[in-house]
Amino acid sequence: MADNQYLYEVARIRTKELSLLSAEFFEQLLSAPDYDACIRLLKEKGWESGRDDWEEMLAKERQKTWELMEELVGDTSVFDVFLYANDYSNLKAAVKSCRHRTELSNIYIDQGTVPVSTIRTAVLENRFEDLPEAMREPAREAQTVLLQTSDGQLCDVIIDRAALEAVYRAGKESGNEFLRLYGELTVACADIKIAVRASRTGKSREFLERALAPCDSLDIRRLTEAALEGGEAVEHYLYTTEYHEGAAEMKQSLSAFERWCDNLMIQRIRPQLYNAFGIGPLAAYILARESEIKSVRIVLSGKKNHLPDQSIRERVRETYV
């Protein structure tokens, strides 16, 4: 479907944007006296679930987003770049379940490009050829590592790196500038977080070379060298990149930097509010919904655990509208 054929779909998205949660609404949530009051406010906005299961509520909202996309474009494969992380998370769960001979029903994510049953069967029966080509070797390698060494962290590194590469490749190959930007920011921010954690825990060069995924906006070689030197070196390197503003956040905490990364994504997609056609506004709406779902989870979790309002507020992400 050509960009100029998305005029109707973008018009529909404009109406849906009116129901996105605003910064003012999040202030209401934060000011609510307790968890139950937050649930009532969300229900007034049309969010549905039982009182004691906010994950069910969030899952339903995510499902609504994808049902809308199916209604608008039919074939949602154009948005697969947003779902690859779920595929690889499911692969990780399947590999570890096979290793430990346990199967928990709540460890898999329904929204993905590969059915959960396909991933589980492929891992359990060593039928890796049933997986998409890009997943086959990471799945095989991760399972071998886990079975032979019981090194769960290395298993995670193999699959997480493959997930980043899948997202990056999809963004590049999409031919769409917005999706390319999403892939670039996703990988760059993940690489920076990996480097920071590695510098704090004294990880080796081998670990970093396995974990970091190449991208255009970072020099992975320099980031690796910085991580080996320590946290300050990572910050100094960031000051030479387009992510220099995040270095100041990193001095506060890793969670502050993660919030900055999420906010950067929102800031970069916000121009899509003014696009009249193209797939960009639809993709931006998906990301906006994911961001508000993440913020609602932060607020509800904080209220449920009686955290100070200021502590919760510092973690809530920017809104799209």
C-alpha atoms as a PDB file:
ATOM      1  CA  MET A   1       0.000   0.000   0.000  1.00  0.00           C
ATOM      2  CA  ALA A   2       1.544   3.315  -1.084  1.00  0.00           C
ATOM      3  CA  ASP A   3       1.881   6.159   1.363  1.00  0.00           C
ATOM      4  CA  ASN A   4      -0.827   8.228  -0.348  1.00  0.00           C
ATOM      5  CA  GLN A   5      -3.277   5.391   0.187  1.00  0.00           C
ATOM      6  CA  TYR A   6      -3.140   5.809   3.971  1.00  0.00           C
ATOM      7  CA  LEU A   7      -5.227   8.992   4.010  1.00  0.00           C
ATOM      8  CA  TYR A   8      -8.319   7.296   5.479  1.00  0.00           C
ATOM      9  CA  GLU A   9      -6.279   5.263   7.959  1.00  0.00           C
ATOM     10  CA  VAL A  10      -4.474   8.368   9.222  1.00  0.00           C
ATOM     11  CA  ALA A  11      -7.795  10.160   9.594  1.00  0.00           C
ATOM     12  CA  ARG A  12      -9.020   7.292  11.782  1.00  0.00           C
ATOM     13  CA  ILE A  13      -5.838   7.445  13.844  1.00  0.00           C
ATOM     14  CA  ARG A  14      -6.370  11.162  14.415  1.00  0.00           C
ATOM     15  CA  THR A  15      -9.669  10.378  16.121  1.00  0.00           C
ATOM     16  CA  LYS A  16      -8.041   7.633  18.196  1.00  0.00           C
ATOM     17  CA  GLU A  17      -5.294   9.998  19.316  1.00  0.00           C
ATOM     18  CA  LEU A  18      -7.949  11.993  21.146  1.00  0.00           C
ATOM     19  CA  SER A  19      -8.341   9.106  23.598  1.00  0.00           C
ATOM     20  CA  LEU A  20      -4.637   8.763  24.356  1.00  0.00           C
ATOM     21  CA  LEU A  21      -3.758   9.516  27.966  1.00  0.00           C
ATOM     22  CA  SER A  22      -2.449  13.037  28.403  1.00  0.00           C
ATOM     23  CA  ALA A  23       0.143  14.448  30.788  1.00  0.00           C
ATOM     24  CA  GLU A  24      -2.731  16.042  32.726  1.00  0.00           C
ATOM     25  CA  PHE A  25      -4.402  12.651  33.156  1.00  0.00           C
ATOM     26  CA  PHE A  26      -1.188  11.133  34.480  1.00  0.00           C
ATOM     27  CA  GLU A  27      -1.064  13.946  37.013  1.00  0.00           C
ATOM     28  CA  GLN A  28      -4.554  12.861  38.089  1.00  0.00           C
ATOM     29  CA  LEU A  29      -3.324   9.288  38.445  1.00  0.00           C
ATOM     30  CA  LEU A  30      -0.304  10.379  40.436  1.00  0.00           C
ATOM     31  CA  SER A  31      -2.462  12.529  42.685  1.00  0.00           C
ATOM     32  CA  ALA A  32      -4.980   9.741  43.291  1.00  0.00           C
ATOM     33  CA  PRO A  33      -4.988   8.651  46.945  1.00  0.00           C
ATOM     34  CA  ASP A  34      -4.456   4.960  46.273  1.00  0.00           C
ATOM     35  CA  TYR A  35      -4.394   2.085  43.811  1.00  0.00           C
ATOM     36  CA  ASP A  36      -8.183   1.632  43.778  1.00  0.00           C
ATOM     37  CA  ALA A  37      -8.690   5.281  42.867  1.00  0.00           C
ATOM     38  CA  CYS A  38      -6.270   4.857  39.941  1.00  0.00           C
ATOM     39  CA  ILE A  39      -8.219   1.846  38.689  1.00  0.00           C
ATOM     40  CA  ARG A  40     -11.437   3.861  38.820  1.00  0.00           C
ATOM     41  CA  LEU A  41      -9.881   6.693  36.810  1.00  0.00           C
ATOM     42  CA  LEU A  42      -8.634   4.279  34.158  1.00  0.00           C
ATOM     43  CA  LYS A  43     -12.019   2.587  33.896  1.00  0.00           C
ATOM     44  CA  GLU A  44     -13.562   5.999  33.291  1.00  0.00           C
ATOM     45  CA  LYS A  45     -11.201   6.230  30.315  1.00  0.00           C
ATOM     46  CA  GLY A  46     -12.460   2.910  28.979  1.00  0.00           C
ATOM     47  CA  TRP A  47      -9.666   0.681  30.262  1.00  0.00           C
ATOM     48  CA  GLU A  48     -11.136  -2.699  31.229  1.00  0.00           C
ATOM     49  CA  SER A  49     -10.051  -5.294  33.768  1.00  0.00           C
ATOM     50  CA  GLY A  50     -10.566  -6.740  37.185  1.00  0.00           C
ATOM     51  CA  ARG A  51      -9.491  -4.667  40.172  1.00  0.00           C
ATOM     52  CA  ASP A  52      -6.573  -6.846  41.226  1.00  0.00           C
ATOM     53  CA  ASP A  53      -5.005  -7.693  37.854  1.00  0.00           C
ATOM     54  CA  TRP A  54      -3.482  -4.690  36.162  1.00  0.00           C
ATOM     55  CA  GLU A  55      -1.492  -6.924  33.794  1.00  0.00           C
ATOM     56  CA  GLU A  56      -4.794  -8.186  32.395  1.00  0.00           C
ATOM     57  CA  MET A  57      -5.858  -4.583  31.914  1.00  0.00           C
ATOM     58  CA  LEU A  58      -2.634  -3.698  30.092  1.00  0.00           C
ATOM     59  CA  ALA A  59      -2.828  -6.813  27.914  1.00  0.00           C
ATOM     60  CA  LYS A  60      -6.365  -5.885  26.863  1.00  0.00           C
ATOM     61  CA  GLU A  61      -5.269  -2.372  25.932  1.00  0.00           C
ATOM     62  CA  ARG A  62      -2.372  -3.728  23.867  1.00  0.00           C
ATOM     63  CA  GLN A  63      -4.778  -6.123  22.148  1.00  0.00           C
ATOM     64  CA  LYS A  64      -7.087  -3.218  21.291  1.00  0.00           C
ATOM     65  CA  THR A  65      -4.202  -1.459  19.548  1.00  0.00           C
ATOM     66  CA  TRP A  66      -3.384  -4.426  17.338  1.00  0.00           C
ATOM     67  CA  GLU A  67      -7.035  -5.128  16.579  1.00  0.00           C
ATOM     68  CA  LEU A  68      -7.305  -1.536  15.379  1.00  0.00           C
ATOM     69  CA  MET A  69      -4.271  -1.975  13.113  1.00  0.00           C
ATOM     70  CA  GLU A  70      -5.722  -5.166  11.659  1.00  0.00           C
ATOM     71  CA  GLU A  71      -8.945  -3.304  10.969  1.00  0.00           C
ATOM     72  CA  LEU A  72      -7.139  -0.421   9.289  1.00  0.00           C
ATOM     73  CA  VAL A  73      -4.465  -2.149   7.195  1.00  0.00           C
ATOM     74  CA  GLY A  74      -5.429  -5.823   7.180  1.00  0.00           C
ATOM     75  CA  ASP A  75      -1.899  -7.187   6.792  1.00  0.00           C
ATOM     76  CA  THR A  76      -0.014  -5.904   9.839  1.00  0.00           C
ATOM     77  CA  SER A  77       3.325  -7.400   8.785  1.00  0.00           C
ATOM     78  CA  VAL A  78       4.486  -3.859   8.019  1.00  0.00           C
ATOM     79  CA  PHE A  79       4.576  -3.398  11.805  1.00  0.00           C
ATOM     80  CA  ASP A  80       6.487  -6.617  12.540  1.00  0.00           C
ATOM     81  CA  VAL A  81       9.485  -4.549  13.623  1.00  0.00           C
ATOM     82  CA  PHE A  82       7.552  -3.733  16.815  1.00  0.00           C
ATOM     83  CA  LEU A  83       6.882  -7.410  17.562  1.00  0.00           C
ATOM     84  CA  TYR A  84      10.274  -9.034  17.079  1.00  0.00           C
ATOM     85  CA  ALA A  85      11.203  -8.339  20.702  1.00  0.00           C
ATOM     86  CA  ASN A  86       8.218 -10.489  21.739  1.00  0.00           C
ATOM     87  CA  ASP A  87       9.305 -13.314  19.436  1.00  0.00           C
ATOM     88  CA  TYR A  88      12.779 -13.437  20.923  1.00  0.00           C
ATOM     89  CA  SER A  89      11.452 -13.115  24.462  1.00  0.00           C
ATOM     90  CA  ASN A  90       9.308 -16.174  23.742  1.00  0.00           C
ATOM     91  CA  LEU A  91      12.333 -17.961  22.310  1.00  0.00           C
ATOM     92  CA  LYS A  92      14.265 -17.252  25.496  1.00  0.00           C
ATOM     93  CA  ALA A  93      11.390 -18.582  27.606  1.00  0.00           C
ATOM     94  CA  ALA A  94      11.133 -21.731  25.487  1.00  0.00           C
ATOM     95  CA  VAL A  95      14.860 -22.481  25.682  1.00  0.00           C
ATOM     96  CA  LYS A  96      14.938 -22.069  29.450  1.00  0.00           C
ATOM     97  CA  SER A  97      11.755 -24.096  29.913  1.00  0.00           C
ATOM     98  CA  CYS A  98      13.309 -26.923  27.898  1.00  0.00           C
ATOM     99  CA  ARG A  99      16.468 -26.807  29.999  1.00  0.00           C
ATOM    100  CA  HIS A 100      14.627 -26.860  33.327  1.00  0.00           C
ATOM    101  CA  ARG A 101      11.801 -29.139  32.170  1.00  0.00           C
ATOM    102  CA  THR A 102       9.220 -26.687  33.464  1.00  0.00           C
ATOM    103  CA  GLU A 103       6.391 -24.960  31.650  1.00  0.00           C
ATOM    104  CA  LEU A 104       4.702 -21.901  33.097  1.00  0.00           C
ATOM    105  CA  SER A 105       1.667 -20.528  31.303  1.00  0.00           C
ATOM    106  CA  ASN A 106       2.435 -16.871  31.990  1.00  0.00           C
ATOM    107  CA  ILE A 107       5.963 -16.653  30.567  1.00  0.00           C
ATOM    108  CA  TYR A 108       4.954 -16.192  26.934  1.00  0.00           C
ATOM    109  CA  ILE A 109       3.745 -13.083  25.123  1.00  0.00           C
ATOM    110  CA  ASP A 110       0.820 -13.540  22.765  1.00  0.00           C
ATOM    111  CA  GLN A 111       1.595 -10.707  20.368  1.00  0.00           C
ATOM    112  CA  GLY A 112       4.407 -11.783  18.054  1.00  0.00           C
ATOM    113  CA  THR A 113       5.145 -12.655  14.440  1.00  0.00           C
ATOM    114  CA  VAL A 114       5.744 -16.343  15.214  1.00  0.00           C
ATOM    115  CA  PRO A 115       3.116 -18.425  17.065  1.00  0.00           C
ATOM    116  CA  VAL A 116       4.225 -19.392  20.561  1.00  0.00           C
ATOM    117  CA  SER A 117       3.389 -23.034  19.787  1.00  0.00           C
ATOM    118  CA  THR A 118       5.797 -23.000  16.830  1.00  0.00           C
ATOM    119  CA  ILE A 119       8.639 -21.664  18.967  1.00  0.00           C
ATOM    120  CA  ARG A 120       7.988 -24.121  21.804  1.00  0.00           C
ATOM    121  CA  THR A 121       7.804 -27.139  19.498  1.00  0.00           C
ATOM    122  CA  ALA A 122      10.899 -26.116  17.538  1.00  0.00           C
ATOM    123  CA  VAL A 123      12.961 -25.864  20.722  1.00  0.00           C
ATOM    124  CA  LEU A 124      11.535 -28.941  22.413  1.00  0.00           C
ATOM    125  CA  GLU A 125      11.959 -31.174  19.366  1.00  0.00           C
ATOM    126  CA  ASN A 126      15.100 -29.533  17.933  1.00  0.00           C
ATOM    127  CA  ARG A 127      13.179 -28.580  14.791  1.00  0.00           C
ATOM    128  CA  PHE A 128      14.879 -25.232  14.356  1.00  0.00           C
ATOM    129  CA  GLU A 129      14.152 -25.291  10.629  1.00  0.00           C
ATOM    130  CA  ASP A 130      10.519 -24.515  11.541  1.00  0.00           C
ATOM    131  CA  LEU A 131      11.598 -21.095  12.820  1.00  0.00           C
ATOM    132  CA  PRO A 132      12.164 -18.012  10.636  1.00  0.00           C
ATOM    133  CA  GLU A 133      15.668 -18.129   9.180  1.00  0.00           C
ATOM    134  CA  ALA A 134      17.028 -15.324  11.373  1.00  0.00           C
ATOM    135  CA  MET A 135      15.943 -17.147  14.553  1.00  0.00           C
ATOM    136  CA  ARG A 136      17.342 -20.586  13.734  1.00  0.00           C
ATOM    137  CA  GLU A 137      21.015 -20.180  14.577  1.00  0.00           C
ATOM    138  CA  PRO A 138      20.459 -18.046  17.733  1.00  0.00           C
ATOM    139  CA  ALA A 139      17.937 -20.630  18.963  1.00  0.00           C
ATOM    140  CA  ARG A 140      20.285 -23.523  18.286  1.00  0.00           C
ATOM    141  CA  GLU A 141      23.293 -21.768  19.834  1.00  0.00           C
ATOM    142  CA  ALA A 142      21.395 -20.575  22.919  1.00  0.00           C
ATOM    143  CA  GLN A 143      20.003 -24.034  23.605  1.00  0.00           C
ATOM    144  CA  THR A 144      23.431 -25.654  23.164  1.00  0.00           C
ATOM    145  CA  VAL A 145      25.057 -23.146  25.510  1.00  0.00           C
ATOM    146  CA  LEU A 146      22.407 -23.619  28.168  1.00  0.00           C
ATOM    147  CA  LEU A 147      22.421 -27.424  27.994  1.00  0.00           C
ATOM    148  CA  GLN A 148      26.213 -27.721  27.968  1.00  0.00           C
ATOM    149  CA  THR A 149      27.237 -24.943  30.349  1.00  0.00           C
ATOM    150  CA  SER A 150      24.062 -23.945  32.258  1.00  0.00           C
ATOM    151  CA  ASP A 151      25.131 -20.343  31.574  1.00  0.00           C
ATOM    152  CA  GLY A 152      21.769 -18.566  31.576  1.00  0.00           C
ATOM    153  CA  GLN A 153      23.326 -15.147  31.116  1.00  0.00           C
ATOM    154  CA  LEU A 154      25.163 -16.162  27.958  1.00  0.00           C
ATOM    155  CA  CYS A 155      21.946 -17.704  26.675  1.00  0.00           C
ATOM    156  CA  ASP A 156      20.219 -14.353  27.238  1.00  0.00           C
ATOM    157  CA  VAL A 157      23.020 -12.452  25.515  1.00  0.00           C
ATOM    158  CA  ILE A 158      22.814 -14.606  22.393  1.00  0.00           C
ATOM    159  CA  ILE A 159      19.055 -14.195  22.046  1.00  0.00           C
ATOM    160  CA  ASP A 160      18.957 -10.519  23.038  1.00  0.00           C
ATOM    161  CA  ARG A 161      21.643  -9.671  20.458  1.00  0.00           C
ATOM    162  CA  ALA A 162      19.681 -11.570  17.789  1.00  0.00           C
ATOM    163  CA  ALA A 163      16.535  -9.631  18.736  1.00  0.00           C
ATOM    164  CA  LEU A 164      18.319  -6.300  18.335  1.00  0.00           C
ATOM    165  CA  GLU A 165      19.709  -7.365  14.969  1.00  0.00           C
ATOM    166  CA  ALA A 166      16.228  -8.410  13.806  1.00  0.00           C
ATOM    167  CA  VAL A 167      14.729  -5.054  14.785  1.00  0.00           C
ATOM    168  CA  TYR A 168      17.578  -3.136  13.176  1.00  0.00           C
ATOM    169  CA  ARG A 169      17.451  -5.143   9.958  1.00  0.00           C
ATOM    170  CA  ALA A 170      13.670  -4.756   9.687  1.00  0.00           C
ATOM    171  CA  GLY A 171      13.923  -1.005  10.168  1.00  0.00           C
ATOM    172  CA  LYS A 172      16.616  -0.717   7.495  1.00  0.00           C
ATOM    173  CA  GLU A 173      14.796  -2.917   5.009  1.00  0.00           C
ATOM    174  CA  SER A 174      11.394  -1.294   5.503  1.00  0.00           C
ATOM    175  CA  GLY A 175      12.169   1.597   3.179  1.00  0.00           C
ATOM    176  CA  ASN A 176      10.349   3.825   5.660  1.00  0.00           C
ATOM    177  CA  GLU A 177      12.287   6.564   7.444  1.00  0.00           C
ATOM    178  CA  PHE A 178      10.159   6.334  10.562  1.00  0.00           C
ATOM    179  CA  LEU A 179      10.688   2.579  10.988  1.00  0.00           C
ATOM    180  CA  ARG A 180      14.386   3.003  10.243  1.00  0.00           C
ATOM    181  CA  LEU A 181      14.593   5.591  13.034  1.00  0.00           C
ATOM    182  CA  TYR A 182      12.802   3.228  15.405  1.00  0.00           C
ATOM    183  CA  GLY A 183      15.305   0.462  14.676  1.00  0.00           C
ATOM    184  CA  GLU A 184      18.253   2.814  15.109  1.00  0.00           C
ATOM    185  CA  LEU A 185      17.092   4.245  18.441  1.00  0.00           C
ATOM    186  CA  THR A 186      16.089   0.841  19.792  1.00  0.00           C
ATOM    187  CA  VAL A 187      19.503  -0.681  19.150  1.00  0.00           C
ATOM    188  CA  ALA A 188      21.529   2.367  20.184  1.00  0.00           C
ATOM    189  CA  CYS A 189      19.748   2.777  23.514  1.00  0.00           C
ATOM    190  CA  ALA A 190      20.009  -0.945  24.228  1.00  0.00           C
ATOM    191  CA  ASP A 191      23.745  -0.894  23.453  1.00  0.00           C
ATOM    192  CA  ILE A 192      24.322   2.023  25.801  1.00  0.00           C
ATOM    193  CA  LYS A 193      22.451   0.310  28.635  1.00  0.00           C
ATOM    194  CA  ILE A 194      24.426  -2.896  28.053  1.00  0.00           C
ATOM    195  CA  ALA A 195      27.695  -0.961  28.131  1.00  0.00           C
ATOM    196  CA  VAL A 196      26.772   0.829  31.361  1.00  0.00           C
ATOM    197  CA  ARG A 197      25.776  -2.386  33.128  1.00  0.00           C
ATOM    198  CA  ALA A 198      28.899  -4.130  31.834  1.00  0.00           C
ATOM    199  CA  SER A 199      31.150  -1.322  33.093  1.00  0.00           C
ATOM    200  CA  ARG A 200      29.578  -1.554  36.545  1.00  0.00           C
ATOM    201  CA  THR A 201      29.885  -5.325  36.790  1.00  0.00           C
ATOM    202  CA  GLY A 202      33.331  -5.705  35.257  1.00  0.00           C
ATOM    203  CA  LYS A 203      32.286  -7.695  32.187  1.00  0.00           C
ATOM    204  CA  SER A 204      34.945  -8.861  29.746  1.00  0.00           C
ATOM    205  CA  ARG A 205      35.687  -7.752  26.202  1.00  0.00           C
ATOM    206  CA  GLU A 206      34.314 -11.074  24.963  1.00  0.00           C
ATOM    207  CA  PHE A 207      30.995 -10.391  26.703  1.00  0.00           C
ATOM    208  CA  LEU A 208      30.717  -6.928  25.173  1.00  0.00           C
ATOM    209  CA  GLU A 209      31.585  -8.133  21.691  1.00  0.00           C
ATOM    210  CA  ARG A 210      28.878 -10.769  21.966  1.00  0.00           C
ATOM    211  CA  ALA A 211      26.254  -8.459  23.444  1.00  0.00           C
ATOM    212  CA  LEU A 212      26.569  -5.185  21.532  1.00  0.00           C
ATOM    213  CA  ALA A 213      24.762  -4.924  18.204  1.00  0.00           C
ATOM    214  CA  PRO A 214      26.154  -2.600  15.505  1.00  0.00           C
ATOM    215  CA  CYS A 215      24.215   0.521  14.519  1.00  0.00           C
ATOM    216  CA  ASP A 216      24.950   3.686  12.555  1.00  0.00           C
ATOM    217  CA  SER A 217      24.749   6.199  15.393  1.00  0.00           C
ATOM    218  CA  LEU A 218      27.316   4.528  17.688  1.00  0.00           C
ATOM    219  CA  ASP A 219      30.884   3.354  17.203  1.00  0.00           C
ATOM    220  CA  ILE A 220      30.659  -0.072  18.855  1.00  0.00           C
ATOM    221  CA  ARG A 221      34.438  -0.393  19.053  1.00  0.00           C
ATOM    222  CA  ARG A 222      34.752   2.860  20.996  1.00  0.00           C
ATOM    223  CA  LEU A 223      31.769   1.989  23.181  1.00  0.00           C
ATOM    224  CA  THR A 224      33.377  -1.352  24.006  1.00  0.00           C
ATOM    225  CA  GLU A 225      36.676   0.280  24.951  1.00  0.00           C
ATOM    226  CA  ALA A 226      34.839   2.818  27.098  1.00  0.00           C
ATOM    227  CA  ALA A 227      32.884   0.122  28.921  1.00  0.00           C
ATOM    228  CA  LEU A 228      36.104  -1.718  29.697  1.00  0.00           C
ATOM    229  CA  GLU A 229      37.535   1.482  31.213  1.00  0.00           C
ATOM    230  CA  GLY A 230      34.493   2.193  33.387  1.00  0.00           C
ATOM    231  CA  GLY A 231      31.298   4.198  33.741  1.00  0.00           C
ATOM    232  CA  GLU A 232      32.934   7.608  33.389  1.00  0.00           C
ATOM    233  CA  ALA A 233      34.510   6.577  30.104  1.00  0.00           C
ATOM    234  CA  VAL A 234      31.096   5.532  28.807  1.00  0.00           C
ATOM    235  CA  GLU A 235      29.698   8.933  29.775  1.00  0.00           C
ATOM    236  CA  HIS A 236      32.598  10.717  28.059  1.00  0.00           C
ATOM    237  CA  TYR A 237      32.015   8.738  24.887  1.00  0.00           C
ATOM    238  CA  LEU A 238      28.297   9.543  24.938  1.00  0.00           C
ATOM    239  CA  TYR A 239      29.125  13.254  24.992  1.00  0.00           C
ATOM    240  CA  THR A 240      30.593  12.785  21.492  1.00  0.00           C
ATOM    241  CA  THR A 241      27.373  11.263  20.133  1.00  0.00           C
ATOM    242  CA  GLU A 242      23.808  12.392  19.464  1.00  0.00           C
ATOM    243  CA  TYR A 243      22.903  10.811  22.803  1.00  0.00           C
ATOM    244  CA  HIS A 244      24.965  13.311  24.796  1.00  0.00           C
ATOM    245  CA  GLU A 245      21.949  14.586  26.750  1.00  0.00           C
ATOM    246  CA  GLY A 246      21.455  11.085  28.123  1.00  0.00           C
ATOM    247  CA  ALA A 247      24.883  11.151  29.756  1.00  0.00           C
ATOM    248  CA  ALA A 248      23.627  13.566  32.405  1.00  0.00           C
ATOM    249  CA  GLU A 249      20.693  11.256  33.143  1.00  0.00           C
ATOM    250  CA  MET A 250      23.057   8.323  33.458  1.00  0.00           C
ATOM    251  CA  LYS A 251      24.840  10.114  36.308  1.00  0.00           C
ATOM    252  CA  GLN A 252      21.587   9.971  38.274  1.00  0.00           C
ATOM    253  CA  SER A 253      20.760   6.329  37.695  1.00  0.00           C
ATOM    254  CA  LEU A 254      20.311   3.706  35.020  1.00  0.00           C
ATOM    255  CA  SER A 255      16.526   3.939  35.449  1.00  0.00           C
ATOM    256  CA  ALA A 256      16.735   7.692  34.768  1.00  0.00           C
ATOM    257  CA  PHE A 257      18.651   6.961  31.588  1.00  0.00           C
ATOM    258  CA  GLU A 258      16.088   4.343  30.526  1.00  0.00           C
ATOM    259  CA  ARG A 259      13.353   6.930  31.015  1.00  0.00           C
ATOM    260  CA  TRP A 260      15.362   9.380  28.920  1.00  0.00           C
ATOM    261  CA  CYS A 261      15.643   6.792  26.131  1.00  0.00           C
ATOM    262  CA  ASP A 262      11.894   6.218  26.113  1.00  0.00           C
ATOM    263  CA  ASN A 263      11.233   9.953  26.144  1.00  0.00           C
ATOM    264  CA  LEU A 264      13.671  10.437  23.251  1.00  0.00           C
ATOM    265  CA  MET A 265      11.639   7.973  21.204  1.00  0.00           C
ATOM    266  CA  ILE A 266       8.428   9.892  21.955  1.00  0.00           C
ATOM    267  CA  GLN A 267      10.094  13.200  21.054  1.00  0.00           C
ATOM    268  CA  ARG A 268      11.326  11.788  17.748  1.00  0.00           C
ATOM    269  CA  ILE A 269       7.937  10.354  16.776  1.00  0.00           C
ATOM    270  CA  ARG A 270       5.895  13.419  17.801  1.00  0.00           C
ATOM    271  CA  PRO A 271       6.222  15.097  14.357  1.00  0.00           C
ATOM    272  CA  GLN A 272       3.986  12.306  13.034  1.00  0.00           C
ATOM    273  CA  LEU A 273       1.094  14.121  14.737  1.00  0.00           C
ATOM    274  CA  TYR A 274       1.248  16.565  11.839  1.00  0.00           C
ATOM    275  CA  ASN A 275       1.598  14.093   8.967  1.00  0.00           C
ATOM    276  CA  ALA A 276      -1.543  13.764   6.868  1.00  0.00           C
ATOM    277  CA  PHE A 277      -0.611  10.509   5.141  1.00  0.00           C
ATOM    278  CA  GLY A 278       1.850   7.644   5.185  1.00  0.00           C
ATOM    279  CA  ILE A 279       2.432   4.799   7.569  1.00  0.00           C
ATOM    280  CA  GLY A 280       4.330   6.981  10.054  1.00  0.00           C
ATOM    281  CA  PRO A 281       1.281   8.207  12.027  1.00  0.00           C
ATOM    282  CA  LEU A 282       0.010   4.633  12.414  1.00  0.00           C
ATOM    283  CA  ALA A 283       3.374   3.370  13.618  1.00  0.00           C
ATOM    284  CA  ALA A 284       3.708   6.357  15.957  1.00  0.00           C
ATOM    285  CA  TYR A 285       0.300   5.560  17.447  1.00  0.00           C
ATOM    286  CA  ILE A 286       1.455   2.006  18.240  1.00  0.00           C
ATOM    287  CA  LEU A 287       4.520   3.368  20.035  1.00  0.00           C
ATOM    288  CA  ALA A 288       2.470   6.006  21.831  1.00  0.00           C
ATOM    289  CA  ARG A 289       0.148   3.309  23.141  1.00  0.00           C
ATOM    290  CA  GLU A 290       3.087   1.169  24.273  1.00  0.00           C
ATOM    291  CA  SER A 291       4.572   4.140  26.084  1.00  0.00           C
ATOM    292  CA  GLU A 292       1.363   4.984  27.926  1.00  0.00           C
ATOM    293  CA  ILE A 293       0.875   1.325  28.876  1.00  0.00           C
ATOM    294  CA  LYS A 294       4.377   1.316  30.340  1.00  0.00           C
ATOM    295  CA  SER A 295       3.633   4.482  32.323  1.00  0.00           C
ATOM    296  CA  VAL A 296       0.329   3.103  33.619  1.00  0.00           C
ATOM    297  CA  ARG A 297       2.158  -0.026  34.787  1.00  0.00           C
ATOM    298  CA  ILE A 298       4.687   2.171  36.624  1.00  0.00           C
ATOM    299  CA  VAL A 299       1.946   4.171  38.350  1.00  0.00           C
ATOM    300  CA  LEU A 300      -0.166   1.163  39.329  1.00  0.00           C
ATOM    301  CA  SER A 301       2.827  -0.781  40.592  1.00  0.00           C
ATOM    302  CA  GLY A 302       3.980   2.216  42.596  1.00  0.00           C
ATOM    303  CA  LYS A 303       0.554   2.832  44.107  1.00  0.00           C
ATOM    304  CA  LYS A 304       0.090  -0.853  44.908  1.00  0.00           C
ATOM    305  CA  ASN A 305       3.417  -0.901  46.729  1.00  0.00           C
ATOM    306  CA  HIS A 306       2.812   2.462  48.459  1.00  0.00           C
ATOM    307  CA  LEU A 307       5.822   4.190  46.910  1.00  0.00           C
ATOM    308  CA  PRO A 308       6.131   7.982  47.352  1.00  0.00           C
ATOM    309  CA  ASP A 309       4.363   9.925  44.589  1.00  0.00           C
ATOM    310  CA  GLN A 310       7.578  11.741  43.674  1.00  0.00           C
ATOM    311  CA  SER A 311       9.397   8.451  43.205  1.00  0.00           C
ATOM    312  CA  ILE A 312       6.673   7.261  40.822  1.00  0.00           C
ATOM    313  CA  ARG A 313       6.533  10.604  38.977  1.00  0.00           C
ATOM    314  CA  GLU A 314      10.251  10.444  38.212  1.00  0.00           C
ATOM    315  CA  ARG A 315       9.741   7.192  36.306  1.00  0.00           C
ATOM    316  CA  VAL A 316       6.637   8.096  34.284  1.00  0.00           C
ATOM    317  CA  ARG A 317       7.369   8.660  30.589  1.00  0.00           C
ATOM    318  CA  GLU A 318       6.475  11.667  28.443  1.00  0.00           C
ATOM    319  CA  THR A 319       3.140  11.458  26.688  1.00  0.00           C
ATOM    320  CA  TYR A 320       2.657  11.617  22.917  1.00  0.00           C
ATOM    321  CA  VAL A 321      -0.166  14.150  23.093  1.00  0.00           C
END
